[in-house]
Structures are given as structure tokens and as C-alpha cells.
PDB file of all heavy atoms in Angstrom:
ATOM      1  N   ARG A   1       5.672   8.607   2.735  1.00  0.00           N
ATOM      2  CA  ARG A   1       5.110   8.163   4.019  1.00  0.00           C
ATOM      3  C   ARG A   1       5.219   6.638   4.161  1.00  0.00           C
ATOM      4  O   ARG A   1       5.462   6.130   5.254  1.00  0.00           O
ATOM      5  CB  ARG A   1       3.644   8.608   4.151  1.00  0.00           C
ATOM      6  CG  ARG A   1       3.376  10.090   4.019  1.00  0.00           C
ATOM      7  CD  ARG A   1       4.340  10.956   4.791  1.00  0.00           C
ATOM      8  NE  ARG A   1       4.151  10.867   6.249  1.00  0.00           N
ATOM      9  CZ  ARG A   1       4.950  11.422   7.123  1.00  0.00           C
ATOM     10  NH1 ARG A   1       6.021  12.090   6.703  1.00  0.00           N
ATOM     11  NH2 ARG A   1       4.712  11.313   8.417  1.00  0.00           N
ATOM     12  N   VAL A   2       5.047   5.915   3.072  1.00  0.00           N
ATOM     13  CA  VAL A   2       5.226   4.455   3.106  1.00  0.00           C
ATOM     14  C   VAL A   2       6.655   4.124   3.506  1.00  0.00           C
ATOM     15  O   VAL A   2       6.900   3.264   4.360  1.00  0.00           O
ATOM     16  CB  VAL A   2       4.874   3.817   1.747  1.00  0.00           C
ATOM     17  CG1 VAL A   2       5.284   2.346   1.729  1.00  0.00           C
ATOM     18  CG2 VAL A   2       3.386   3.951   1.449  1.00  0.00           C
ATOM     19  N   LYS A   3       7.603   4.798   2.902  1.00  0.00           N
ATOM     20  CA  LYS A   3       9.020   4.567   3.209  1.00  0.00           C
ATOM     21  C   LYS A   3       9.297   4.820   4.687  1.00  0.00           C
ATOM     22  O   LYS A   3      10.052   4.075   5.332  1.00  0.00           O
ATOM     23  CB  LYS A   3       9.882   5.478   2.336  1.00  0.00           C
ATOM     24  CG  LYS A   3      11.379   5.243   2.491  1.00  0.00           C
ATOM     25  CD  LYS A   3      12.164   6.139   1.542  1.00  0.00           C
ATOM     26  CE  LYS A   3      13.666   5.920   1.693  1.00  0.00           C
ATOM     27  NZ  LYS A   3      14.445   6.804   0.772  1.00  0.00           N
ATOM     28  N   LYS A   4       8.684   5.849   5.236  1.00  0.00           N
ATOM     29  CA  LYS A   4       8.879   6.190   6.656  1.00  0.00           C
ATOM     30  C   LYS A   4       8.423   5.067   7.574  1.00  0.00           C
ATOM     31  O   LYS A   4       9.090   4.753   8.567  1.00  0.00           O
ATOM     32  CB  LYS A   4       8.109   7.475   6.989  1.00  0.00           C
ATOM     33  CG  LYS A   4       8.054   7.827   8.479  1.00  0.00           C
ATOM     34  CD  LYS A   4       7.235   9.078   8.712  1.00  0.00           C
ATOM     35  CE  LYS A   4       6.966   9.314  10.193  1.00  0.00           C
ATOM     36  NZ  LYS A   4       8.197   9.632  10.950  1.00  0.00           N
ATOM     37  N   TYR A   5       7.282   4.428   7.258  1.00  0.00           N
ATOM     38  CA  TYR A   5       6.694   3.437   8.171  1.00  0.00           C
ATOM     39  C   TYR A   5       7.070   1.994   7.846  1.00  0.00           C
ATOM     40  O   TYR A   5       6.795   1.096   8.648  1.00  0.00           O
ATOM     41  CB  TYR A   5       5.169   3.596   8.200  1.00  0.00           C
ATOM     42  CG  TYR A   5       4.735   4.833   8.947  1.00  0.00           C
ATOM     43  CD1 TYR A   5       4.330   5.986   8.267  1.00  0.00           C
ATOM     44  CD2 TYR A   5       4.777   4.884  10.345  1.00  0.00           C
ATOM     45  CE1 TYR A   5       3.952   7.137   8.945  1.00  0.00           C
ATOM     46  CE2 TYR A   5       4.397   6.028  11.027  1.00  0.00           C
ATOM     47  CZ  TYR A   5       3.992   7.149  10.330  1.00  0.00           C
ATOM     48  OH  TYR A   5       3.625   8.284  11.019  1.00  0.00           O
ATOM     49  N   GLN A   6       7.730   1.759   6.706  1.00  0.00           N
ATOM     50  CA  GLN A   6       8.122   0.393   6.358  1.00  0.00           C
ATOM     51  C   GLN A   6       9.085  -0.206   7.379  1.00  0.00           C
ATOM     52  O   GLN A   6       9.148  -1.426   7.546  1.00  0.00           O
ATOM     53  CB  GLN A   6       8.773   0.373   4.970  1.00  0.00           C
ATOM     54  CG  GLN A   6       7.784   0.287   3.843  1.00  0.00           C
ATOM     55  CD  GLN A   6       8.454   0.073   2.494  1.00  0.00           C
ATOM     56  OE1 GLN A   6       7.868  -0.500   1.596  1.00  0.00           O
ATOM     57  NE2 GLN A   6       9.680   0.537   2.339  1.00  0.00           N
ATOM     58  N   GLU A   7       9.826   0.637   8.074  1.00  0.00           N
ATOM     59  CA  GLU A   7      10.826   0.138   9.028  1.00  0.00           C
ATOM     60  C   GLU A   7      10.199  -0.633  10.186  1.00  0.00           C
ATOM     61  O   GLU A   7      10.886  -1.376  10.887  1.00  0.00           O
ATOM     62  CB  GLU A   7      11.655   1.302   9.565  1.00  0.00           C
ATOM     63  CG  GLU A   7      10.858   2.308  10.384  1.00  0.00           C
ATOM     64  CD  GLU A   7      11.696   3.507  10.832  1.00  0.00           C
ATOM     65  OE1 GLU A   7      12.318   4.148   9.973  1.00  0.00           O
ATOM     66  OE2 GLU A   7      11.712   3.765  12.045  1.00  0.00           O
ATOM     67  N   TYR A   8       8.892  -0.449  10.405  1.00  0.00           N
ATOM     68  CA  TYR A   8       8.208  -1.163  11.485  1.00  0.00           C
ATOM     69  C   TYR A   8       7.850  -2.601  11.097  1.00  0.00           C
ATOM     70  O   TYR A   8       7.367  -3.357  11.942  1.00  0.00           O
ATOM     71  CB  TYR A   8       6.917  -0.428  11.862  1.00  0.00           C
ATOM     72  CG  TYR A   8       7.128   0.904  12.534  1.00  0.00           C
ATOM     73  CD1 TYR A   8       7.194   2.080  11.782  1.00  0.00           C
ATOM     74  CD2 TYR A   8       7.265   1.005  13.922  1.00  0.00           C
ATOM     75  CE1 TYR A   8       7.378   3.316  12.390  1.00  0.00           C
ATOM     76  CE2 TYR A   8       7.453   2.233  14.535  1.00  0.00           C
ATOM     77  CZ  TYR A   8       7.516   3.386  13.764  1.00  0.00           C
ATOM     78  OH  TYR A   8       7.693   4.605  14.365  1.00  0.00           O
ATOM     79  N   PHE A   9       8.055  -2.974   9.844  1.00  0.00           N
ATOM     80  CA  PHE A   9       7.562  -4.256   9.353  1.00  0.00           C
ATOM     81  C   PHE A   9       8.684  -5.103   8.769  1.00  0.00           C
ATOM     82  O   PHE A   9       9.593  -4.602   8.112  1.00  0.00           O
ATOM     83  CB  PHE A   9       6.496  -4.028   8.271  1.00  0.00           C
ATOM     84  CG  PHE A   9       5.309  -3.231   8.756  1.00  0.00           C
ATOM     85  CD1 PHE A   9       5.306  -1.845   8.690  1.00  0.00           C
ATOM     86  CD2 PHE A   9       4.206  -3.870   9.320  1.00  0.00           C
ATOM     87  CE1 PHE A   9       4.237  -1.104   9.147  1.00  0.00           C
ATOM     88  CE2 PHE A   9       3.135  -3.135   9.786  1.00  0.00           C
ATOM     89  CZ  PHE A   9       3.147  -1.755   9.705  1.00  0.00           C
ATOM     90  N   ASP A  10       8.583  -6.423   9.025  1.00  0.00           N
ATOM     91  CA  ASP A  10       9.539  -7.362   8.433  1.00  0.00           C
ATOM     92  C   ASP A  10       9.248  -7.549   6.947  1.00  0.00           C
ATOM     93  O   ASP A  10      10.157  -7.604   6.126  1.00  0.00           O
ATOM     94  CB  ASP A  10       9.471  -8.720   9.147  1.00  0.00           C
ATOM     95  CG  ASP A  10       9.916  -8.607  10.595  1.00  0.00           C
ATOM     96  OD1 ASP A  10      10.792  -7.762  10.880  1.00  0.00           O
ATOM     97  OD2 ASP A  10       9.371  -9.343  11.445  1.00  0.00           O
ATOM     98  N   LYS A  11       7.956  -7.657   6.612  1.00  0.00           N
ATOM     99  CA  LYS A  11       7.558  -7.797   5.212  1.00  0.00           C
ATOM    100  C   LYS A  11       7.505  -6.432   4.548  1.00  0.00           C
ATOM    101  O   LYS A  11       7.195  -5.433   5.193  1.00  0.00           O
ATOM    102  CB  LYS A  11       6.189  -8.471   5.112  1.00  0.00           C
ATOM    103  CG  LYS A  11       6.159  -9.916   5.551  1.00  0.00           C
ATOM    104  CD  LYS A  11       4.749 -10.490   5.380  1.00  0.00           C
ATOM    105  CE  LYS A  11       4.714 -11.942   5.828  1.00  0.00           C
ATOM    106  NZ  LYS A  11       3.348 -12.508   5.695  1.00  0.00           N
ATOM    107  N   LYS A  12       7.782  -6.406   3.267  1.00  0.00           N
ATOM    108  CA  LYS A  12       7.703  -5.181   2.480  1.00  0.00           C
ATOM    109  C   LYS A  12       6.646  -5.354   1.386  1.00  0.00           C
ATOM    110  O   LYS A  12       6.444  -6.463   0.893  1.00  0.00           O
ATOM    111  CB  LYS A  12       9.059  -4.848   1.827  1.00  0.00           C
ATOM    112  CG  LYS A  12      10.218  -4.770   2.808  1.00  0.00           C
ATOM    113  CD  LYS A  12      10.041  -3.652   3.811  1.00  0.00           C
ATOM    114  CE  LYS A  12      11.219  -3.597   4.788  1.00  0.00           C
ATOM    115  NZ  LYS A  12      10.998  -2.644   5.878  1.00  0.00           N
ATOM    116  N   PRO A  13       5.986  -4.276   0.996  1.00  0.00           N
ATOM    117  CA  PRO A  13       5.017  -4.391  -0.106  1.00  0.00           C
ATOM    118  C   PRO A  13       5.715  -4.786  -1.397  1.00  0.00           C
ATOM    119  O   PRO A  13       6.845  -4.352  -1.662  1.00  0.00           O
ATOM    120  CB  PRO A  13       4.440  -2.968  -0.217  1.00  0.00           C
ATOM    121  CG  PRO A  13       4.833  -2.270   1.035  1.00  0.00           C
ATOM    122  CD  PRO A  13       6.087  -2.906   1.518  1.00  0.00           C
ATOM    123  N   GLU A  14       5.057  -5.614  -2.196  1.00  0.00           N
ATOM    124  CA  GLU A  14       5.593  -5.968  -3.509  1.00  0.00           C
ATOM    125  C   GLU A  14       5.530  -4.754  -4.431  1.00  0.00           C
ATOM    126  O   GLU A  14       6.477  -4.470  -5.166  1.00  0.00           O
ATOM    127  CB  GLU A  14       4.802  -7.134  -4.112  1.00  0.00           C
ATOM    128  CG  GLU A  14       5.022  -8.464  -3.404  1.00  0.00           C
ATOM    129  CD  GLU A  14       6.471  -8.945  -3.519  1.00  0.00           C
ATOM    130  OE1 GLU A  14       7.065  -8.800  -4.606  1.00  0.00           O
ATOM    131  OE2 GLU A  14       7.003  -9.431  -2.507  1.00  0.00           O
ATOM    132  N   LYS A  15       4.403  -4.048  -4.392  1.00  0.00           N
ATOM    133  CA  LYS A  15       4.214  -2.853  -5.210  1.00  0.00           C
ATOM    134  C   LYS A  15       3.434  -1.814  -4.417  1.00  0.00           C
ATOM    135  O   LYS A  15       2.596  -2.161  -3.582  1.00  0.00           O
ATOM    136  CB  LYS A  15       3.450  -3.180  -6.497  1.00  0.00           C
ATOM    137  CG  LYS A  15       4.213  -4.049  -7.480  1.00  0.00           C
ATOM    138  CD  LYS A  15       3.369  -4.307  -8.725  1.00  0.00           C
ATOM    139  CE  LYS A  15       4.108  -5.216  -9.704  1.00  0.00           C
ATOM    140  NZ  LYS A  15       3.277  -5.514 -10.905  1.00  0.00           N
ATOM    141  N   ILE A  16       3.702  -0.554  -4.689  1.00  0.00           N
ATOM    142  CA  ILE A  16       2.932   0.552  -4.117  1.00  0.00           C
ATOM    143  C   ILE A  16       2.325   1.330  -5.282  1.00  0.00           C
ATOM    144  O   ILE A  16       3.049   1.835  -6.143  1.00  0.00           O
ATOM    145  CB  ILE A  16       3.802   1.508  -3.282  1.00  0.00           C
ATOM    146  CG1 ILE A  16       4.458   0.781  -2.106  1.00  0.00           C
ATOM    147  CG2 ILE A  16       2.968   2.685  -2.786  1.00  0.00           C
ATOM    148  CD1 ILE A  16       3.488   0.373  -1.024  1.00  0.00           C
ATOM    149  N   ARG A  17       1.011   1.398  -5.306  1.00  0.00           N
ATOM    150  CA  ARG A  17       0.331   2.162  -6.355  1.00  0.00           C
ATOM    151  C   ARG A  17      -0.469   3.290  -5.717  1.00  0.00           C
ATOM    152  O   ARG A  17      -1.140   3.082  -4.713  1.00  0.00           O
ATOM    153  CB  ARG A  17      -0.612   1.261  -7.161  1.00  0.00           C
ATOM    154  CG  ARG A  17       0.074   0.147  -7.927  1.00  0.00           C
ATOM    155  CD  ARG A  17      -0.931  -0.587  -8.808  1.00  0.00           C
ATOM    156  NE  ARG A  17      -0.322  -1.646  -9.589  1.00  0.00           N
ATOM    157  CZ  ARG A  17      -0.296  -2.931  -9.222  1.00  0.00           C
ATOM    158  NH1 ARG A  17      -0.853  -3.282  -8.068  1.00  0.00           N
ATOM    159  NH2 ARG A  17       0.276  -3.836  -9.975  1.00  0.00           N
ATOM    160  N   VAL A  18      -0.391   4.464  -6.309  1.00  0.00           N
ATOM    161  CA  VAL A  18      -1.201   5.599  -5.884  1.00  0.00           C
ATOM    162  C   VAL A  18      -2.163   5.870  -7.024  1.00  0.00           C
ATOM    163  O   VAL A  18      -1.749   6.224  -8.133  1.00  0.00           O
ATOM    164  CB  VAL A  18      -0.322   6.831  -5.589  1.00  0.00           C
ATOM    165  CG1 VAL A  18      -1.190   8.002  -5.134  1.00  0.00           C
ATOM    166  CG2 VAL A  18       0.716   6.497  -4.519  1.00  0.00           C
ATOM    167  N   LYS A  19      -3.456   5.687  -6.769  1.00  0.00           N
ATOM    168  CA  LYS A  19      -4.428   5.684  -7.865  1.00  0.00           C
ATOM    169  C   LYS A  19      -5.813   6.072  -7.375  1.00  0.00           C
ATOM    170  O   LYS A  19      -6.033   6.250  -6.174  1.00  0.00           O
ATOM    171  CB  LYS A  19      -4.469   4.298  -8.510  1.00  0.00           C
ATOM    172  CG  LYS A  19      -4.783   3.188  -7.501  1.00  0.00           C
ATOM    173  CD  LYS A  19      -4.596   1.799  -8.077  1.00  0.00           C
ATOM    174  CE  LYS A  19      -5.731   1.413  -8.972  1.00  0.00           C
ATOM    175  NZ  LYS A  19      -5.686  -0.005  -9.358  1.00  0.00           N
ATOM    176  N   GLU A  20      -6.734   6.175  -8.304  1.00  0.00           N
ATOM    177  CA  GLU A  20      -8.147   6.400  -7.977  1.00  0.00           C
ATOM    178  C   GLU A  20      -8.739   5.099  -7.454  1.00  0.00           C
ATOM    179  O   GLU A  20      -8.627   4.055  -8.091  1.00  0.00           O
ATOM    180  CB  GLU A  20      -8.901   6.847  -9.228  1.00  0.00           C
ATOM    181  CG  GLU A  20     -10.377   7.124  -9.002  1.00  0.00           C
ATOM    182  CD  GLU A  20     -10.632   8.497  -8.410  1.00  0.00           C
ATOM    183  OE1 GLU A  20      -9.885   9.434  -8.728  1.00  0.00           O
ATOM    184  OE2 GLU A  20     -11.590   8.621  -7.643  1.00  0.00           O
ATOM    185  N   LEU A  21      -9.347   5.147  -6.284  1.00  0.00           N
ATOM    186  CA  LEU A  21     -10.016   3.982  -5.708  1.00  0.00           C
ATOM    187  C   LEU A  21     -11.449   4.371  -5.387  1.00  0.00           C
ATOM    188  O   LEU A  21     -11.693   5.370  -4.723  1.00  0.00           O
ATOM    189  CB  LEU A  21      -9.313   3.515  -4.429  1.00  0.00           C
ATOM    190  CG  LEU A  21      -7.897   2.970  -4.571  1.00  0.00           C
ATOM    191  CD1 LEU A  21      -7.300   2.705  -3.199  1.00  0.00           C
ATOM    192  CD2 LEU A  21      -7.874   1.689  -5.405  1.00  0.00           C
ATOM    193  N   LYS A  22     -12.400   3.589  -5.844  1.00  0.00           N
ATOM    194  CA  LYS A  22     -13.808   3.864  -5.564  1.00  0.00           C
ATOM    195  C   LYS A  22     -14.190   3.314  -4.196  1.00  0.00           C
ATOM    196  O   LYS A  22     -14.024   2.129  -3.928  1.00  0.00           O
ATOM    197  CB  LYS A  22     -14.700   3.248  -6.649  1.00  0.00           C
ATOM    198  CG  LYS A  22     -14.572   3.939  -7.998  1.00  0.00           C
ATOM    199  CD  LYS A  22     -15.565   3.378  -8.995  1.00  0.00           C
ATOM    200  CE  LYS A  22     -15.469   4.123 -10.328  1.00  0.00           C
ATOM    201  NZ  LYS A  22     -16.443   3.594 -11.328  1.00  0.00           N
ATOM    202  N   ASN A  23     -14.668   4.190  -3.327  1.00  0.00           N
ATOM    203  CA  ASN A  23     -15.192   3.803  -2.008  1.00  0.00           C
ATOM    204  C   ASN A  23     -14.148   3.184  -1.086  1.00  0.00           C
ATOM    205  O   ASN A  23     -14.492   2.514  -0.120  1.00  0.00           O
ATOM    206  CB  ASN A  23     -16.369   2.822  -2.163  1.00  0.00           C
ATOM    207  CG  ASN A  23     -17.482   3.392  -3.013  1.00  0.00           C
ATOM    208  OD1 ASN A  23     -17.837   4.554  -2.865  1.00  0.00           O
ATOM    209  ND2 ASN A  23     -18.009   2.584  -3.920  1.00  0.00           N
ATOM    210  N   LYS A  24     -12.855   3.383  -1.367  1.00  0.00           N
ATOM    211  CA  LYS A  24     -11.803   2.869  -0.497  1.00  0.00           C
ATOM    212  C   LYS A  24     -10.676   3.895  -0.416  1.00  0.00           C
ATOM    213  O   LYS A  24     -10.423   4.640  -1.364  1.00  0.00           O
ATOM    214  CB  LYS A  24     -11.234   1.551  -1.030  1.00  0.00           C
ATOM    215  CG  LYS A  24     -12.174   0.358  -0.908  1.00  0.00           C
ATOM    216  CD  LYS A  24     -11.504  -0.902  -1.428  1.00  0.00           C
ATOM    217  CE  LYS A  24     -12.427  -2.103  -1.363  1.00  0.00           C
ATOM    218  NZ  LYS A  24     -12.731  -2.494   0.023  1.00  0.00           N
ATOM    219  N   TRP A  25      -9.985   3.896   0.729  1.00  0.00           N
ATOM    220  CA  TRP A  25      -8.816   4.757   0.861  1.00  0.00           C
ATOM    221  C   TRP A  25      -7.535   3.988   0.625  1.00  0.00           C
ATOM    222  O   TRP A  25      -6.501   4.581   0.318  1.00  0.00           O
ATOM    223  CB  TRP A  25      -8.807   5.420   2.232  1.00  0.00           C
ATOM    224  CG  TRP A  25      -9.957   6.361   2.388  1.00  0.00           C
ATOM    225  CD1 TRP A  25     -11.047   6.210   3.195  1.00  0.00           C
ATOM    226  CD2 TRP A  25     -10.173   7.580   1.660  1.00  0.00           C
ATOM    227  NE1 TRP A  25     -11.918   7.254   3.019  1.00  0.00           N
ATOM    228  CE2 TRP A  25     -11.411   8.113   2.090  1.00  0.00           C
ATOM    229  CE3 TRP A  25      -9.444   8.270   0.696  1.00  0.00           C
ATOM    230  CZ2 TRP A  25     -11.919   9.316   1.584  1.00  0.00           C
ATOM    231  CZ3 TRP A  25      -9.953   9.461   0.192  1.00  0.00           C
ATOM    232  CH2 TRP A  25     -11.172   9.962   0.627  1.00  0.00           C
ATOM    233  N   GLY A  26      -7.615   2.689   0.777  1.00  0.00           N
ATOM    234  CA  GLY A  26      -6.440   1.867   0.514  1.00  0.00           C
ATOM    235  C   GLY A  26      -6.809   0.401   0.433  1.00  0.00           C
ATOM    236  O   GLY A  26      -7.862  -0.009   0.928  1.00  0.00           O
ATOM    237  N   THR A  27      -5.953  -0.375  -0.219  1.00  0.00           N
ATOM    238  CA  THR A  27      -6.149  -1.821  -0.297  1.00  0.00           C
ATOM    239  C   THR A  27      -4.792  -2.512  -0.199  1.00  0.00           C
ATOM    240  O   THR A  27      -3.759  -1.931  -0.539  1.00  0.00           O
ATOM    241  CB  THR A  27      -6.813  -2.254  -1.624  1.00  0.00           C
ATOM    242  OG1 THR A  27      -5.944  -1.926  -2.721  1.00  0.00           O
ATOM    243  CG2 THR A  27      -8.166  -1.588  -1.815  1.00  0.00           C
ATOM    244  N   CYS A  28      -4.818  -3.759   0.269  1.00  0.00           N
ATOM    245  CA  CYS A  28      -3.622  -4.605   0.289  1.00  0.00           C
ATOM    246  C   CYS A  28      -4.043  -5.997  -0.166  1.00  0.00           C
ATOM    247  O   CYS A  28      -4.892  -6.629   0.467  1.00  0.00           O
ATOM    248  CB  CYS A  28      -3.008  -4.653   1.683  1.00  0.00           C
ATOM    249  SG  CYS A  28      -1.518  -5.680   1.785  1.00  0.00           S
ATOM    250  N   THR A  29      -3.485  -6.463  -1.267  1.00  0.00           N
ATOM    251  CA  THR A  29      -3.885  -7.752  -1.820  1.00  0.00           C
ATOM    252  C   THR A  29      -3.176  -8.898  -1.103  1.00  0.00           C
ATOM    253  O   THR A  29      -2.240  -8.692  -0.322  1.00  0.00           O
ATOM    254  CB  THR A  29      -3.545  -7.831  -3.321  1.00  0.00           C
ATOM    255  OG1 THR A  29      -2.115  -7.867  -3.471  1.00  0.00           O
ATOM    256  CG2 THR A  29      -4.100  -6.628  -4.067  1.00  0.00           C
ATOM    257  N   GLY A  30      -3.609 -10.116  -1.421  1.00  0.00           N
ATOM    258  CA  GLY A  30      -2.967 -11.303  -0.860  1.00  0.00           C
ATOM    259  C   GLY A  30      -1.507 -11.427  -1.266  1.00  0.00           C
ATOM    260  O   GLY A  30      -0.708 -12.071  -0.584  1.00  0.00           O
ATOM    261  N   LYS A  31      -1.154 -10.790  -2.374  1.00  0.00           N
ATOM    262  CA  LYS A  31       0.240 -10.801  -2.859  1.00  0.00           C
ATOM    263  C   LYS A  31       1.033  -9.597  -2.356  1.00  0.00           C
ATOM    264  O   LYS A  31       2.131  -9.317  -2.820  1.00  0.00           O
ATOM    265  CB  LYS A  31       0.251 -10.834  -4.384  1.00  0.00           C
ATOM    266  CG  LYS A  31      -0.310 -12.129  -4.966  1.00  0.00           C
ATOM    267  CD  LYS A  31      -0.202 -12.134  -6.484  1.00  0.00           C
ATOM    268  CE  LYS A  31      -0.740 -13.444  -7.058  1.00  0.00           C
ATOM    269  NZ  LYS A  31      -0.631 -13.463  -8.543  1.00  0.00           N
ATOM    270  N   ASN A  32       0.439  -8.872  -1.392  1.00  0.00           N
ATOM    271  CA  ASN A  32       1.095  -7.726  -0.750  1.00  0.00           C
ATOM    272  C   ASN A  32       1.345  -6.546  -1.693  1.00  0.00           C
ATOM    273  O   ASN A  32       2.330  -5.815  -1.559  1.00  0.00           O
ATOM    274  CB  ASN A  32       2.415  -8.146  -0.082  1.00  0.00           C
ATOM    275  CG  ASN A  32       2.190  -9.083   1.082  1.00  0.00           C
ATOM    276  OD1 ASN A  32       1.129  -9.053   1.718  1.00  0.00           O
ATOM    277  ND2 ASN A  32       3.151  -9.942   1.361  1.00  0.00           N
ATOM    278  N   ASN A  33       0.429  -6.366  -2.640  1.00  0.00           N
ATOM    279  CA  ASN A  33       0.434  -5.160  -3.453  1.00  0.00           C
ATOM    280  C   ASN A  33      -0.476  -4.132  -2.787  1.00  0.00           C
ATOM    281  O   ASN A  33      -1.654  -4.402  -2.550  1.00  0.00           O
ATOM    282  CB  ASN A  33      -0.076  -5.451  -4.870  1.00  0.00           C
ATOM    283  CG  ASN A  33       0.847  -6.383  -5.627  1.00  0.00           C
ATOM    284  OD1 ASN A  33       2.063  -6.278  -5.520  1.00  0.00           O
ATOM    285  ND2 ASN A  33       0.275  -7.307  -6.377  1.00  0.00           N
ATOM    286  N   ILE A  34       0.070  -2.969  -2.472  1.00  0.00           N
ATOM    287  CA  ILE A  34      -0.696  -1.939  -1.770  1.00  0.00           C
ATOM    288  C   ILE A  34      -1.091  -0.823  -2.730  1.00  0.00           C
ATOM    289  O   ILE A  34      -0.269  -0.354  -3.527  1.00  0.00           O
ATOM    290  CB  ILE A  34       0.118  -1.370  -0.593  1.00  0.00           C
ATOM    291  CG1 ILE A  34       0.184  -2.405   0.540  1.00  0.00           C
ATOM    292  CG2 ILE A  34      -0.484  -0.062  -0.073  1.00  0.00           C
ATOM    293  CD1 ILE A  34       1.005  -1.975   1.733  1.00  0.00           C
ATOM    294  N   SER A  35      -2.358  -0.420  -2.661  1.00  0.00           N
ATOM    295  CA  SER A  35      -2.856   0.727  -3.420  1.00  0.00           C
ATOM    296  C   SER A  35      -3.410   1.751  -2.430  1.00  0.00           C
ATOM    297  O   SER A  35      -4.097   1.387  -1.482  1.00  0.00           O
ATOM    298  CB  SER A  35      -3.960   0.307  -4.393  1.00  0.00           C
ATOM    299  OG  SER A  35      -3.458  -0.563  -5.394  1.00  0.00           O
ATOM    300  N   ILE A  36      -3.102   3.031  -2.675  1.00  0.00           N
ATOM    301  CA  ILE A  36      -3.562   4.121  -1.823  1.00  0.00           C
ATOM    302  C   ILE A  36      -4.288   5.143  -2.696  1.00  0.00           C
ATOM    303  O   ILE A  36      -3.819   5.482  -3.787  1.00  0.00           O
ATOM    304  CB  ILE A  36      -2.397   4.814  -1.091  1.00  0.00           C
ATOM    305  CG1 ILE A  36      -1.574   3.808  -0.278  1.00  0.00           C
ATOM    306  CG2 ILE A  36      -2.908   5.935  -0.201  1.00  0.00           C
ATOM    307  CD1 ILE A  36      -2.238   3.262   0.954  1.00  0.00           C
ATOM    308  N   ASN A  37      -5.413   5.636  -2.210  1.00  0.00           N
ATOM    309  CA  ASN A  37      -6.204   6.618  -2.950  1.00  0.00           C
ATOM    310  C   ASN A  37      -5.471   7.964  -3.005  1.00  0.00           C
ATOM    311  O   ASN A  37      -5.127   8.542  -1.970  1.00  0.00           O
ATOM    312  CB  ASN A  37      -7.565   6.796  -2.266  1.00  0.00           C
ATOM    313  CG  ASN A  37      -8.581   7.481  -3.147  1.00  0.00           C
ATOM    314  OD1 ASN A  37      -8.260   8.405  -3.891  1.00  0.00           O
ATOM    315  ND2 ASN A  37      -9.823   7.049  -3.051  1.00  0.00           N
ATOM    316  N   TRP A  38      -5.258   8.465  -4.215  1.00  0.00           N
ATOM    317  CA  TRP A  38      -4.511   9.729  -4.373  1.00  0.00           C
ATOM    318  C   TRP A  38      -5.215  10.914  -3.719  1.00  0.00           C
ATOM    319  O   TRP A  38      -4.568  11.914  -3.388  1.00  0.00           O
ATOM    320  CB  TRP A  38      -4.263  10.029  -5.850  1.00  0.00           C
ATOM    321  CG  TRP A  38      -5.470  10.403  -6.654  1.00  0.00           C
ATOM    322  CD1 TRP A  38      -6.235   9.577  -7.415  1.00  0.00           C
ATOM    323  CD2 TRP A  38      -6.060  11.707  -6.772  1.00  0.00           C
ATOM    324  NE1 TRP A  38      -7.269  10.270  -8.000  1.00  0.00           N
ATOM    325  CE2 TRP A  38      -7.186  11.579  -7.633  1.00  0.00           C
ATOM    326  CE3 TRP A  38      -5.760  12.971  -6.253  1.00  0.00           C
ATOM    327  CZ2 TRP A  38      -7.998  12.664  -7.964  1.00  0.00           C
ATOM    328  CZ3 TRP A  38      -6.576  14.049  -6.584  1.00  0.00           C
ATOM    329  CH2 TRP A  38      -7.674  13.891  -7.431  1.00  0.00           C
TER     330      TRP A  38
END
């Protein structure tokens, strides 16, 4: 799904992580590392 929607953006994520996140469904850091709750 990330690959599908990346085409809308000039910037690309540095890293994509799928992991356990407490109280969040997703995060994006200042360094453009994205984490998504599995």
C-alpha cells in the first residue's frame, strides 16, 4: 500500500517499518522513517 501511494509524493520514506506500536497506528520521524502498526 505504501508503494501504491508513494507516487503522489516527491519525497520518499527513508525506511518503512511494520511493527508493534503502543497507542499509535503510525509514525513519521523527522528523518522520514515511517512505522506502521501491524
